[in-house]
Amino acid sequence: MKVFTTGQVAKICKVAPRTVSKWFDSGRLKGYRIPGSQDRRIPRDYLIRFLKEHGMPLGDLEDETMAKVLIVGQDQVLIENLKREIPSERSFKVAVASSGFEAGIQAESFHPDCIIVDFSIGRHEALQICQNLRRNTEFTETILIALLPDDGSPMSFDRSTINETFKKPFDVALLAERLRTLIGSRKELV
C-alpha cells in the first residue's frame, strides 16, 4: 500500500501543505498520524477516493488507477454498448479508433492497457494492427482482445499475438467483466 505525506498530497492537488493538513484535521481526508509525532500519512486509496468525491483531477495517479481501453472498430452499436458496460466515470477511460492508422496514433498518445480490435473492419487490417502492436516494445504488455465475426468462414491465423477472442454475437457485459479481471490483475483499479 502506497502512503503519501501531506507535502506529496499538496503537490498532487496543487495546493499548499497547510490546506491538506486542514482537510486531514477536519476528517474530510482520511489517514493516520505517525505515533509520537504530528506527521500525517494518507494512504493512496483514501487520497484517490477523496479526489474523486470532490471532482478533483487525479493527476499523476491517473495512470496507475485508470484502466485505458482503446476500441478499434466501426460498428457504432457495438462501440456504444461497450462504452455503456465500461463506465468511464469509474475506473475506465475509453478511446475509439475506426482504422488501423487511427489506432496507431491513438495507441501512441493514449497508451492503452487493453486494445479491443473488431475484425469486422477487415481481417487483414485487424491482423496488421495486432502484429504491429506486438512488434512495438512499448505494447508488449498491452492486452489484445479480438472480436471475431460469426460469418461462417473459418478464422485461421496466428493467435499468439492476441490474449483473448470473443466471437460475435457475445455478451458485452461478459467482455466488460473480463476486462476488469485482466487489467485488474496488473493495476490497482479503484
N, C-alpha and C. Protein backbone atom coordinates (compact mmCIF):
# COMPACT_ATOMS: atom_id res chain seq x y z
N MET A 1 0.85 -1.18 0.00
CA MET A 1 0.00 0.00 0.00
C MET A 1 0.90 1.24 0.00
N LYS A 2 0.68 2.12 -0.95
CA LYS A 2 1.46 3.35 -1.04
C LYS A 2 0.84 4.40 -0.12
N VAL A 3 1.71 5.14 0.56
CA VAL A 3 1.27 6.17 1.50
C VAL A 3 1.95 7.48 1.15
N PHE A 4 1.22 8.59 1.28
CA PHE A 4 1.73 9.91 0.94
C PHE A 4 1.83 10.80 2.17
N THR A 5 2.79 11.72 2.14
CA THR A 5 2.88 12.76 3.17
C THR A 5 1.95 13.90 2.76
N THR A 6 1.72 14.84 3.68
CA THR A 6 0.87 15.98 3.32
C THR A 6 1.53 16.83 2.23
N GLY A 7 2.85 16.90 2.23
CA GLY A 7 3.56 17.64 1.19
C GLY A 7 3.37 17.02 -0.18
N GLN A 8 3.42 15.68 -0.25
CA GLN A 8 3.22 14.99 -1.52
C GLN A 8 1.79 15.18 -2.01
N VAL A 9 0.83 15.08 -1.09
CA VAL A 9 -0.58 15.27 -1.46
C VAL A 9 -0.78 16.71 -1.95
N ALA A 10 -0.13 17.67 -1.30
CA ALA A 10 -0.24 19.07 -1.72
C ALA A 10 0.25 19.25 -3.16
N LYS A 11 1.36 18.59 -3.52
CA LYS A 11 1.86 18.69 -4.89
C LYS A 11 0.89 18.08 -5.88
N ILE A 12 0.33 16.91 -5.54
CA ILE A 12 -0.62 16.23 -6.43
C ILE A 12 -1.85 17.11 -6.64
N CYS A 13 -2.34 17.72 -5.55
CA CYS A 13 -3.57 18.53 -5.62
C CYS A 13 -3.31 19.97 -6.02
N LYS A 14 -2.03 20.35 -6.10
CA LYS A 14 -1.65 21.72 -6.43
C LYS A 14 -2.24 22.73 -5.45
N VAL A 15 -2.06 22.41 -4.15
CA VAL A 15 -2.49 23.30 -3.08
C VAL A 15 -1.35 23.41 -2.07
N ALA A 16 -1.51 24.27 -1.08
CA ALA A 16 -0.50 24.43 -0.03
C ALA A 16 -0.58 23.26 0.94
N PRO A 17 0.55 22.83 1.52
CA PRO A 17 0.53 21.74 2.51
C PRO A 17 -0.43 22.02 3.66
N ARG A 18 -0.56 23.28 4.04
CA ARG A 18 -1.46 23.65 5.14
C ARG A 18 -2.92 23.29 4.78
N THR A 19 -3.28 23.44 3.52
CA THR A 19 -4.64 23.09 3.08
C THR A 19 -4.88 21.60 3.27
N VAL A 20 -3.89 20.78 2.92
CA VAL A 20 -4.01 19.33 3.09
C VAL A 20 -4.16 19.00 4.57
N SER A 21 -3.40 19.69 5.42
CA SER A 21 -3.49 19.47 6.87
C SER A 21 -4.90 19.80 7.37
N LYS A 22 -5.49 20.85 6.84
CA LYS A 22 -6.86 21.22 7.24
C LYS A 22 -7.85 20.14 6.81
N TRP A 23 -7.69 19.63 5.58
CA TRP A 23 -8.57 18.54 5.11
C TRP A 23 -8.45 17.34 6.04
N PHE A 24 -7.22 17.02 6.41
CA PHE A 24 -6.95 15.87 7.28
C PHE A 24 -7.56 16.09 8.66
N ASP A 25 -7.28 17.27 9.28
CA ASP A 25 -7.74 17.56 10.64
C ASP A 25 -9.26 17.64 10.74
N SER A 26 -9.91 18.05 9.64
CA SER A 26 -11.38 18.15 9.66
C SER A 26 -12.03 16.79 9.40
N GLY A 27 -11.23 15.79 9.02
CA GLY A 27 -11.78 14.44 8.79
C GLY A 27 -12.22 14.19 7.36
N ARG A 28 -12.10 15.21 6.50
CA ARG A 28 -12.51 15.00 5.10
C ARG A 28 -11.53 14.11 4.35
N LEU A 29 -10.25 14.22 4.65
CA LEU A 29 -9.22 13.39 4.04
C LEU A 29 -8.74 12.40 5.09
N LYS A 30 -9.01 11.13 4.86
CA LYS A 30 -8.67 10.08 5.83
C LYS A 30 -7.19 9.74 5.79
N GLY A 31 -6.68 9.31 6.92
CA GLY A 31 -5.30 8.90 7.04
C GLY A 31 -4.97 8.61 8.49
N TYR A 32 -3.69 8.71 8.83
CA TYR A 32 -3.28 8.46 10.22
C TYR A 32 -2.08 9.33 10.56
N ARG A 33 -1.85 9.47 11.86
CA ARG A 33 -0.67 10.20 12.34
C ARG A 33 0.39 9.19 12.74
N ILE A 34 1.64 9.57 12.54
CA ILE A 34 2.75 8.73 12.96
C ILE A 34 2.83 8.83 14.48
N PRO A 35 2.86 7.69 15.19
CA PRO A 35 2.92 7.74 16.66
C PRO A 35 4.14 8.54 17.14
N GLY A 36 3.90 9.40 18.12
CA GLY A 36 4.98 10.19 18.70
C GLY A 36 5.33 11.44 17.92
N SER A 37 4.58 11.75 16.86
CA SER A 37 4.86 12.97 16.09
C SER A 37 3.55 13.53 15.56
N GLN A 38 3.65 14.67 14.95
CA GLN A 38 2.46 15.30 14.36
C GLN A 38 2.33 14.99 12.87
N ASP A 39 3.27 14.21 12.33
CA ASP A 39 3.27 13.91 10.90
C ASP A 39 2.05 13.10 10.51
N ARG A 40 1.46 13.48 9.39
CA ARG A 40 0.27 12.80 8.88
C ARG A 40 0.66 11.95 7.67
N ARG A 41 -0.05 10.85 7.48
CA ARG A 41 0.16 10.00 6.31
C ARG A 41 -1.20 9.68 5.72
N ILE A 42 -1.27 9.74 4.39
CA ILE A 42 -2.52 9.49 3.68
C ILE A 42 -2.33 8.30 2.75
N PRO A 43 -3.02 7.16 3.00
CA PRO A 43 -2.94 6.02 2.08
C PRO A 43 -3.49 6.37 0.71
N ARG A 44 -2.89 5.80 -0.30
CA ARG A 44 -3.22 6.05 -1.70
C ARG A 44 -4.72 5.91 -1.98
N ASP A 45 -5.34 4.83 -1.49
CA ASP A 45 -6.77 4.59 -1.75
C ASP A 45 -7.64 5.71 -1.19
N TYR A 46 -7.31 6.20 0.01
CA TYR A 46 -8.08 7.29 0.61
C TYR A 46 -7.91 8.58 -0.20
N LEU A 47 -6.69 8.82 -0.67
CA LEU A 47 -6.44 10.01 -1.48
C LEU A 47 -7.24 9.97 -2.77
N ILE A 48 -7.21 8.83 -3.45
CA ILE A 48 -7.94 8.69 -4.72
C ILE A 48 -9.43 8.87 -4.49
N ARG A 49 -9.96 8.26 -3.43
CA ARG A 49 -11.38 8.39 -3.12
C ARG A 49 -11.72 9.87 -2.86
N PHE A 50 -10.88 10.55 -2.09
CA PHE A 50 -11.09 11.97 -1.79
C PHE A 50 -11.11 12.80 -3.07
N LEU A 51 -10.13 12.56 -3.95
CA LEU A 51 -10.06 13.32 -5.20
C LEU A 51 -11.30 13.09 -6.06
N LYS A 52 -11.73 11.84 -6.17
CA LYS A 52 -12.92 11.53 -6.99
C LYS A 52 -14.18 12.13 -6.38
N GLU A 53 -14.34 12.03 -5.04
CA GLU A 53 -15.53 12.57 -4.38
C GLU A 53 -15.66 14.07 -4.59
N HIS A 54 -14.53 14.76 -4.68
CA HIS A 54 -14.55 16.21 -4.81
C HIS A 54 -14.34 16.69 -6.24
N GLY A 55 -14.35 15.74 -7.19
CA GLY A 55 -14.24 16.10 -8.61
C GLY A 55 -12.90 16.71 -8.98
N MET A 56 -11.88 16.34 -8.23
CA MET A 56 -10.53 16.89 -8.49
C MET A 56 -9.79 15.96 -9.44
N PRO A 57 -8.91 16.51 -10.27
CA PRO A 57 -8.15 15.65 -11.20
C PRO A 57 -7.20 14.73 -10.44
N LEU A 58 -7.02 13.52 -10.96
CA LEU A 58 -6.14 12.55 -10.33
C LEU A 58 -4.67 12.83 -10.63
N GLY A 59 -4.40 13.64 -11.62
CA GLY A 59 -3.02 14.00 -11.94
C GLY A 59 -2.16 12.78 -12.23
N ASP A 60 -1.01 12.70 -11.57
CA ASP A 60 -0.07 11.59 -11.79
C ASP A 60 -0.63 10.25 -11.36
N LEU A 61 -1.65 10.25 -10.49
CA LEU A 61 -2.24 8.99 -10.02
C LEU A 61 -3.11 8.33 -11.09
N GLU A 62 -3.50 9.11 -12.11
CA GLU A 62 -4.43 8.59 -13.11
C GLU A 62 -3.90 7.35 -13.81
N ASP A 63 -2.63 7.35 -14.21
CA ASP A 63 -2.08 6.20 -14.93
C ASP A 63 -2.11 4.93 -14.13
N GLU A 64 -1.94 5.02 -12.82
CA GLU A 64 -1.91 3.80 -12.03
C GLU A 64 -3.30 3.40 -11.52
N THR A 65 -4.31 4.26 -11.68
CA THR A 65 -5.63 3.93 -11.17
C THR A 65 -6.69 3.78 -12.25
N MET A 66 -6.40 4.25 -13.46
CA MET A 66 -7.38 4.17 -14.53
C MET A 66 -6.95 3.12 -15.54
N ALA A 67 -7.90 2.30 -15.93
CA ALA A 67 -7.65 1.33 -16.99
C ALA A 67 -8.01 2.00 -18.31
N LYS A 68 -7.06 2.04 -19.22
CA LYS A 68 -7.30 2.69 -20.51
C LYS A 68 -7.57 1.62 -21.56
N VAL A 69 -8.70 1.78 -22.24
CA VAL A 69 -9.13 0.81 -23.24
C VAL A 69 -9.31 1.53 -24.57
N LEU A 70 -8.66 0.99 -25.61
CA LEU A 70 -8.81 1.52 -26.96
C LEU A 70 -9.64 0.52 -27.76
N ILE A 71 -10.75 0.99 -28.31
CA ILE A 71 -11.62 0.14 -29.14
C ILE A 71 -11.36 0.50 -30.60
N VAL A 72 -10.97 -0.49 -31.39
CA VAL A 72 -10.73 -0.27 -32.82
C VAL A 72 -11.86 -0.95 -33.58
N GLY A 73 -12.73 -0.16 -34.20
CA GLY A 73 -13.85 -0.73 -34.92
C GLY A 73 -14.72 0.35 -35.52
N GLN A 74 -15.69 -0.09 -36.33
CA GLN A 74 -16.58 0.85 -36.99
C GLN A 74 -18.04 0.59 -36.65
N ASP A 75 -18.33 -0.49 -35.94
CA ASP A 75 -19.69 -0.86 -35.56
C ASP A 75 -20.12 0.03 -34.39
N GLN A 76 -20.86 1.11 -34.70
CA GLN A 76 -21.24 2.10 -33.68
C GLN A 76 -22.11 1.50 -32.58
N VAL A 77 -22.97 0.56 -32.92
CA VAL A 77 -23.84 -0.06 -31.90
C VAL A 77 -22.97 -0.82 -30.90
N LEU A 78 -22.03 -1.60 -31.41
CA LEU A 78 -21.12 -2.35 -30.55
C LEU A 78 -20.29 -1.39 -29.67
N ILE A 79 -19.76 -0.33 -30.27
CA ILE A 79 -18.94 0.63 -29.53
C ILE A 79 -19.75 1.28 -28.41
N GLU A 80 -20.98 1.70 -28.72
CA GLU A 80 -21.84 2.32 -27.70
C GLU A 80 -22.17 1.33 -26.58
N ASN A 81 -22.45 0.07 -26.94
CA ASN A 81 -22.73 -0.95 -25.92
C ASN A 81 -21.51 -1.18 -25.03
N LEU A 82 -20.33 -1.23 -25.63
CA LEU A 82 -19.11 -1.40 -24.84
C LEU A 82 -18.89 -0.21 -23.91
N LYS A 83 -19.09 1.00 -24.42
CA LYS A 83 -18.92 2.19 -23.59
C LYS A 83 -19.91 2.19 -22.42
N ARG A 84 -21.10 1.69 -22.65
CA ARG A 84 -22.11 1.64 -21.60
C ARG A 84 -21.71 0.63 -20.51
N GLU A 85 -21.13 -0.48 -20.94
CA GLU A 85 -20.72 -1.52 -19.99
C GLU A 85 -19.39 -1.21 -19.30
N ILE A 86 -18.59 -0.35 -19.90
CA ILE A 86 -17.29 0.03 -19.32
C ILE A 86 -17.42 1.50 -18.94
N PRO A 87 -18.07 1.79 -17.83
CA PRO A 87 -18.34 3.19 -17.49
C PRO A 87 -17.05 3.98 -17.25
N SER A 88 -16.86 5.03 -18.03
CA SER A 88 -15.62 5.80 -17.95
C SER A 88 -15.51 6.61 -16.67
N GLU A 89 -16.64 6.92 -16.01
CA GLU A 89 -16.53 7.72 -14.80
C GLU A 89 -15.96 6.90 -13.65
N ARG A 90 -16.00 5.58 -13.78
CA ARG A 90 -15.38 4.77 -12.73
C ARG A 90 -13.94 4.56 -13.11
N SER A 91 -13.44 3.38 -13.12
CA SER A 91 -12.01 3.15 -13.28
C SER A 91 -11.55 3.01 -14.73
N PHE A 92 -12.39 3.35 -15.69
CA PHE A 92 -12.02 3.15 -17.09
C PHE A 92 -12.06 4.43 -17.90
N LYS A 93 -11.11 4.53 -18.82
CA LYS A 93 -11.07 5.60 -19.80
C LYS A 93 -11.11 4.91 -21.15
N VAL A 94 -12.02 5.31 -22.02
CA VAL A 94 -12.19 4.63 -23.29
C VAL A 94 -11.92 5.59 -24.44
N ALA A 95 -11.15 5.10 -25.42
CA ALA A 95 -10.91 5.85 -26.66
C ALA A 95 -11.32 4.95 -27.82
N VAL A 96 -11.65 5.56 -28.96
CA VAL A 96 -12.12 4.80 -30.11
C VAL A 96 -11.32 5.20 -31.35
N ALA A 97 -10.98 4.20 -32.16
CA ALA A 97 -10.33 4.42 -33.45
C ALA A 97 -11.10 3.61 -34.49
N SER A 98 -11.23 4.15 -35.70
CA SER A 98 -12.01 3.45 -36.71
C SER A 98 -11.16 2.81 -37.80
N SER A 99 -9.84 2.99 -37.73
CA SER A 99 -8.97 2.39 -38.74
C SER A 99 -7.63 2.02 -38.11
N GLY A 100 -6.84 1.27 -38.85
CA GLY A 100 -5.52 0.88 -38.38
C GLY A 100 -4.62 2.09 -38.17
N PHE A 101 -4.70 3.04 -39.09
CA PHE A 101 -3.88 4.25 -38.99
C PHE A 101 -4.24 5.02 -37.72
N GLU A 102 -5.54 5.23 -37.52
CA GLU A 102 -6.02 5.94 -36.34
C GLU A 102 -5.68 5.18 -35.06
N ALA A 103 -5.73 3.85 -35.12
CA ALA A 103 -5.38 3.02 -33.95
C ALA A 103 -3.93 3.23 -33.55
N GLY A 104 -3.04 3.32 -34.54
CA GLY A 104 -1.63 3.55 -34.26
C GLY A 104 -1.40 4.89 -33.58
N ILE A 105 -2.06 5.91 -34.08
CA ILE A 105 -1.93 7.25 -33.50
C ILE A 105 -2.48 7.26 -32.07
N GLN A 106 -3.67 6.68 -31.89
CA GLN A 106 -4.30 6.63 -30.56
C GLN A 106 -3.44 5.84 -29.57
N ALA A 107 -2.90 4.72 -30.03
CA ALA A 107 -2.08 3.87 -29.14
C ALA A 107 -0.85 4.63 -28.66
N GLU A 108 -0.23 5.40 -29.55
CA GLU A 108 0.97 6.15 -29.18
C GLU A 108 0.67 7.25 -28.16
N SER A 109 -0.46 7.93 -28.33
CA SER A 109 -0.77 9.06 -27.43
C SER A 109 -1.54 8.63 -26.19
N PHE A 110 -2.39 7.63 -26.29
CA PHE A 110 -3.28 7.22 -25.21
C PHE A 110 -2.64 6.18 -24.27
N HIS A 111 -1.70 5.41 -24.77
CA HIS A 111 -1.03 4.33 -24.02
C HIS A 111 -2.03 3.41 -23.32
N PRO A 112 -2.85 2.70 -24.12
CA PRO A 112 -3.90 1.86 -23.52
C PRO A 112 -3.34 0.62 -22.82
N ASP A 113 -4.08 0.16 -21.81
CA ASP A 113 -3.77 -1.10 -21.14
C ASP A 113 -4.32 -2.26 -21.95
N CYS A 114 -5.39 -1.98 -22.69
CA CYS A 114 -6.05 -3.02 -23.48
C CYS A 114 -6.53 -2.41 -24.80
N ILE A 115 -6.37 -3.18 -25.87
CA ILE A 115 -6.88 -2.77 -27.17
C ILE A 115 -7.84 -3.85 -27.65
N ILE A 116 -9.06 -3.43 -27.96
CA ILE A 116 -10.08 -4.34 -28.48
C ILE A 116 -10.16 -4.09 -29.98
N VAL A 117 -9.87 -5.12 -30.78
CA VAL A 117 -9.88 -4.98 -32.24
C VAL A 117 -11.07 -5.76 -32.80
N ASP A 118 -11.99 -5.04 -33.44
CA ASP A 118 -13.14 -5.65 -34.07
C ASP A 118 -12.72 -6.08 -35.48
N PHE A 119 -12.71 -7.37 -35.73
CA PHE A 119 -12.26 -7.90 -37.02
C PHE A 119 -13.22 -7.57 -38.15
N SER A 120 -14.38 -6.98 -37.86
CA SER A 120 -15.30 -6.61 -38.94
C SER A 120 -14.77 -5.40 -39.73
N ILE A 121 -13.69 -4.75 -39.27
CA ILE A 121 -13.06 -3.68 -40.06
C ILE A 121 -12.29 -4.27 -41.23
N GLY A 122 -12.14 -5.58 -41.24
CA GLY A 122 -11.39 -6.27 -42.28
C GLY A 122 -10.34 -7.15 -41.62
N ARG A 123 -10.37 -8.42 -41.98
CA ARG A 123 -9.47 -9.39 -41.35
C ARG A 123 -8.00 -8.99 -41.50
N HIS A 124 -7.62 -8.60 -42.72
CA HIS A 124 -6.22 -8.24 -42.98
C HIS A 124 -5.79 -7.03 -42.15
N GLU A 125 -6.62 -5.99 -42.13
CA GLU A 125 -6.28 -4.77 -41.37
C GLU A 125 -6.23 -5.07 -39.87
N ALA A 126 -7.18 -5.85 -39.38
CA ALA A 126 -7.20 -6.19 -37.95
C ALA A 126 -5.95 -6.98 -37.55
N LEU A 127 -5.57 -7.95 -38.37
CA LEU A 127 -4.35 -8.72 -38.07
C LEU A 127 -3.11 -7.84 -38.13
N GLN A 128 -3.10 -6.92 -39.08
CA GLN A 128 -1.97 -5.99 -39.21
C GLN A 128 -1.83 -5.12 -37.96
N ILE A 129 -2.96 -4.65 -37.43
CA ILE A 129 -2.96 -3.85 -36.20
C ILE A 129 -2.33 -4.65 -35.06
N CYS A 130 -2.80 -5.88 -34.89
CA CYS A 130 -2.30 -6.75 -33.81
C CYS A 130 -0.81 -7.02 -33.96
N GLN A 131 -0.37 -7.35 -35.17
CA GLN A 131 1.05 -7.65 -35.40
C GLN A 131 1.93 -6.41 -35.19
N ASN A 132 1.49 -5.26 -35.66
CA ASN A 132 2.26 -4.03 -35.49
C ASN A 132 2.41 -3.67 -34.01
N LEU A 133 1.33 -3.85 -33.26
CA LEU A 133 1.40 -3.55 -31.83
C LEU A 133 2.37 -4.49 -31.11
N ARG A 134 2.35 -5.75 -31.47
CA ARG A 134 3.23 -6.72 -30.81
C ARG A 134 4.70 -6.50 -31.18
N ARG A 135 4.96 -5.94 -32.36
CA ARG A 135 6.34 -5.66 -32.76
C ARG A 135 6.92 -4.48 -31.98
N ASN A 136 6.07 -3.58 -31.56
CA ASN A 136 6.49 -2.39 -30.83
C ASN A 136 6.70 -2.75 -29.36
N THR A 137 7.91 -2.54 -28.85
CA THR A 137 8.24 -2.94 -27.47
C THR A 137 7.41 -2.19 -26.43
N GLU A 138 6.88 -1.02 -26.77
CA GLU A 138 6.04 -0.27 -25.83
C GLU A 138 4.72 -0.99 -25.54
N PHE A 139 4.31 -1.89 -26.44
CA PHE A 139 2.99 -2.52 -26.31
C PHE A 139 3.06 -4.02 -26.07
N THR A 140 4.20 -4.52 -25.64
CA THR A 140 4.31 -5.97 -25.41
C THR A 140 3.42 -6.43 -24.26
N GLU A 141 3.17 -5.57 -23.28
CA GLU A 141 2.33 -5.92 -22.14
C GLU A 141 0.86 -5.54 -22.34
N THR A 142 0.56 -4.85 -23.43
CA THR A 142 -0.81 -4.43 -23.70
C THR A 142 -1.68 -5.65 -24.01
N ILE A 143 -2.83 -5.70 -23.39
CA ILE A 143 -3.77 -6.80 -23.60
C ILE A 143 -4.49 -6.57 -24.93
N LEU A 144 -4.48 -7.59 -25.79
CA LEU A 144 -5.16 -7.51 -27.09
C LEU A 144 -6.35 -8.47 -27.09
N ILE A 145 -7.51 -7.93 -27.41
CA ILE A 145 -8.72 -8.74 -27.49
C ILE A 145 -9.29 -8.60 -28.90
N ALA A 146 -9.54 -9.75 -29.53
CA ALA A 146 -10.09 -9.75 -30.89
C ALA A 146 -11.57 -10.09 -30.84
N LEU A 147 -12.37 -9.31 -31.55
CA LEU A 147 -13.80 -9.58 -31.71
C LEU A 147 -13.98 -10.17 -33.10
N LEU A 148 -14.26 -11.47 -33.15
CA LEU A 148 -14.33 -12.18 -34.42
C LEU A 148 -15.77 -12.26 -34.93
N PRO A 149 -15.97 -12.05 -36.24
CA PRO A 149 -17.32 -12.14 -36.80
C PRO A 149 -17.77 -13.60 -36.88
N ASP A 150 -19.07 -13.79 -36.74
CA ASP A 150 -19.63 -15.14 -36.88
C ASP A 150 -20.29 -15.23 -38.25
N ASP A 151 -19.43 -15.22 -39.29
CA ASP A 151 -19.96 -15.24 -40.66
C ASP A 151 -19.84 -16.63 -41.30
N GLY A 152 -19.50 -17.61 -40.50
CA GLY A 152 -19.42 -18.98 -41.01
C GLY A 152 -18.08 -19.34 -41.61
N SER A 153 -17.27 -18.35 -41.96
CA SER A 153 -15.96 -18.66 -42.56
C SER A 153 -14.95 -18.96 -41.45
N PRO A 154 -14.08 -19.95 -41.69
CA PRO A 154 -13.11 -20.29 -40.67
C PRO A 154 -12.07 -19.17 -40.51
N MET A 155 -11.73 -18.88 -39.28
CA MET A 155 -10.74 -17.83 -39.00
C MET A 155 -9.45 -18.51 -38.54
N SER A 156 -8.56 -18.72 -39.48
CA SER A 156 -7.28 -19.32 -39.10
C SER A 156 -6.19 -18.26 -39.21
N PHE A 157 -5.55 -17.99 -38.08
CA PHE A 157 -4.45 -17.03 -38.03
C PHE A 157 -3.64 -17.32 -36.77
N ASP A 158 -2.49 -16.71 -36.69
CA ASP A 158 -1.62 -16.90 -35.54
C ASP A 158 -2.22 -16.16 -34.34
N ARG A 159 -2.74 -16.91 -33.39
CA ARG A 159 -3.39 -16.31 -32.23
C ARG A 159 -2.42 -15.95 -31.11
N SER A 160 -1.13 -16.15 -31.35
CA SER A 160 -0.14 -15.86 -30.29
C SER A 160 -0.02 -14.35 -30.02
N THR A 161 -0.46 -13.53 -30.95
CA THR A 161 -0.39 -12.08 -30.73
C THR A 161 -1.59 -11.56 -29.95
N ILE A 162 -2.61 -12.41 -29.78
CA ILE A 162 -3.86 -11.98 -29.15
C ILE A 162 -4.06 -12.70 -27.82
N ASN A 163 -4.47 -11.94 -26.80
CA ASN A 163 -4.69 -12.53 -25.48
C ASN A 163 -6.02 -13.26 -25.38
N GLU A 164 -7.07 -12.68 -25.95
CA GLU A 164 -8.42 -13.26 -25.84
C GLU A 164 -9.18 -13.04 -27.14
N THR A 165 -10.12 -13.92 -27.42
CA THR A 165 -11.02 -13.73 -28.57
C THR A 165 -12.46 -13.88 -28.10
N PHE A 166 -13.33 -13.11 -28.70
CA PHE A 166 -14.77 -13.21 -28.47
C PHE A 166 -15.41 -13.32 -29.84
N LYS A 167 -16.31 -14.28 -30.01
CA LYS A 167 -17.00 -14.47 -31.28
C LYS A 167 -18.37 -13.81 -31.21
N LYS A 168 -18.66 -12.99 -32.21
CA LYS A 168 -19.95 -12.30 -32.27
C LYS A 168 -21.05 -13.28 -32.61
N PRO A 169 -22.22 -13.10 -32.11
CA PRO A 169 -22.62 -12.16 -31.07
C PRO A 169 -22.16 -12.67 -29.70
N PHE A 170 -21.83 -11.76 -28.81
CA PHE A 170 -21.38 -12.13 -27.48
C PHE A 170 -22.00 -11.17 -26.47
N ASP A 171 -21.94 -11.56 -25.21
CA ASP A 171 -22.48 -10.74 -24.13
C ASP A 171 -21.47 -9.64 -23.80
N VAL A 172 -21.84 -8.39 -24.06
CA VAL A 172 -20.94 -7.27 -23.83
C VAL A 172 -20.57 -7.16 -22.35
N ALA A 173 -21.51 -7.50 -21.47
CA ALA A 173 -21.23 -7.45 -20.03
C ALA A 173 -20.13 -8.45 -19.66
N LEU A 174 -20.12 -9.58 -20.34
CA LEU A 174 -19.08 -10.60 -20.10
C LEU A 174 -17.71 -10.06 -20.52
N LEU A 175 -17.66 -9.38 -21.66
CA LEU A 175 -16.40 -8.78 -22.11
C LEU A 175 -15.93 -7.71 -21.12
N ALA A 176 -16.85 -6.87 -20.64
CA ALA A 176 -16.50 -5.83 -19.67
C ALA A 176 -15.95 -6.44 -18.39
N GLU A 177 -16.57 -7.51 -17.93
CA GLU A 177 -16.09 -8.18 -16.72
C GLU A 177 -14.71 -8.79 -16.94
N ARG A 178 -14.49 -9.35 -18.12
CA ARG A 178 -13.18 -9.93 -18.45
C ARG A 178 -12.11 -8.84 -18.48
N LEU A 179 -12.46 -7.66 -18.98
CA LEU A 179 -11.53 -6.52 -18.98
C LEU A 179 -11.15 -6.15 -17.55
N ARG A 180 -12.14 -6.07 -16.67
CA ARG A 180 -11.86 -5.74 -15.27
C ARG A 180 -10.90 -6.75 -14.66
N THR A 181 -11.11 -8.03 -14.98
CA THR A 181 -10.25 -9.08 -14.44
C THR A 181 -8.84 -8.99 -15.00
N LEU A 182 -8.71 -8.89 -16.32
CA LEU A 182 -7.39 -8.85 -16.96
C LEU A 182 -6.59 -7.62 -16.55
N ILE A 183 -7.20 -6.45 -16.61
CA ILE A 183 -6.48 -5.23 -16.28
C ILE A 183 -6.30 -5.12 -14.77
N GLY A 184 -7.30 -5.55 -14.01
CA GLY A 184 -7.23 -5.51 -12.55
C GLY A 184 -6.10 -6.37 -11.98
N SER A 185 -5.69 -7.41 -12.72
CA SER A 185 -4.58 -8.24 -12.25
C SER A 185 -3.25 -7.52 -12.41
N ARG A 186 -3.21 -6.44 -13.21
CA ARG A 186 -1.99 -5.70 -13.45
C ARG A 186 -1.96 -4.34 -12.76
N LYS A 187 -3.14 -3.80 -12.49
CA LYS A 187 -3.25 -2.46 -11.90
C LYS A 187 -4.19 -2.50 -10.72
N GLU A 188 -4.01 -1.55 -9.80
CA GLU A 188 -4.95 -1.41 -8.70
C GLU A 188 -6.05 -0.46 -9.14
N LEU A 189 -7.13 -1.01 -9.65
CA LEU A 189 -8.25 -0.16 -10.08
C LEU A 189 -9.09 0.22 -8.88
N VAL A 190 -9.50 1.47 -8.88
CA VAL A 190 -10.31 1.96 -7.75
C VAL A 190 -11.73 2.16 -8.23
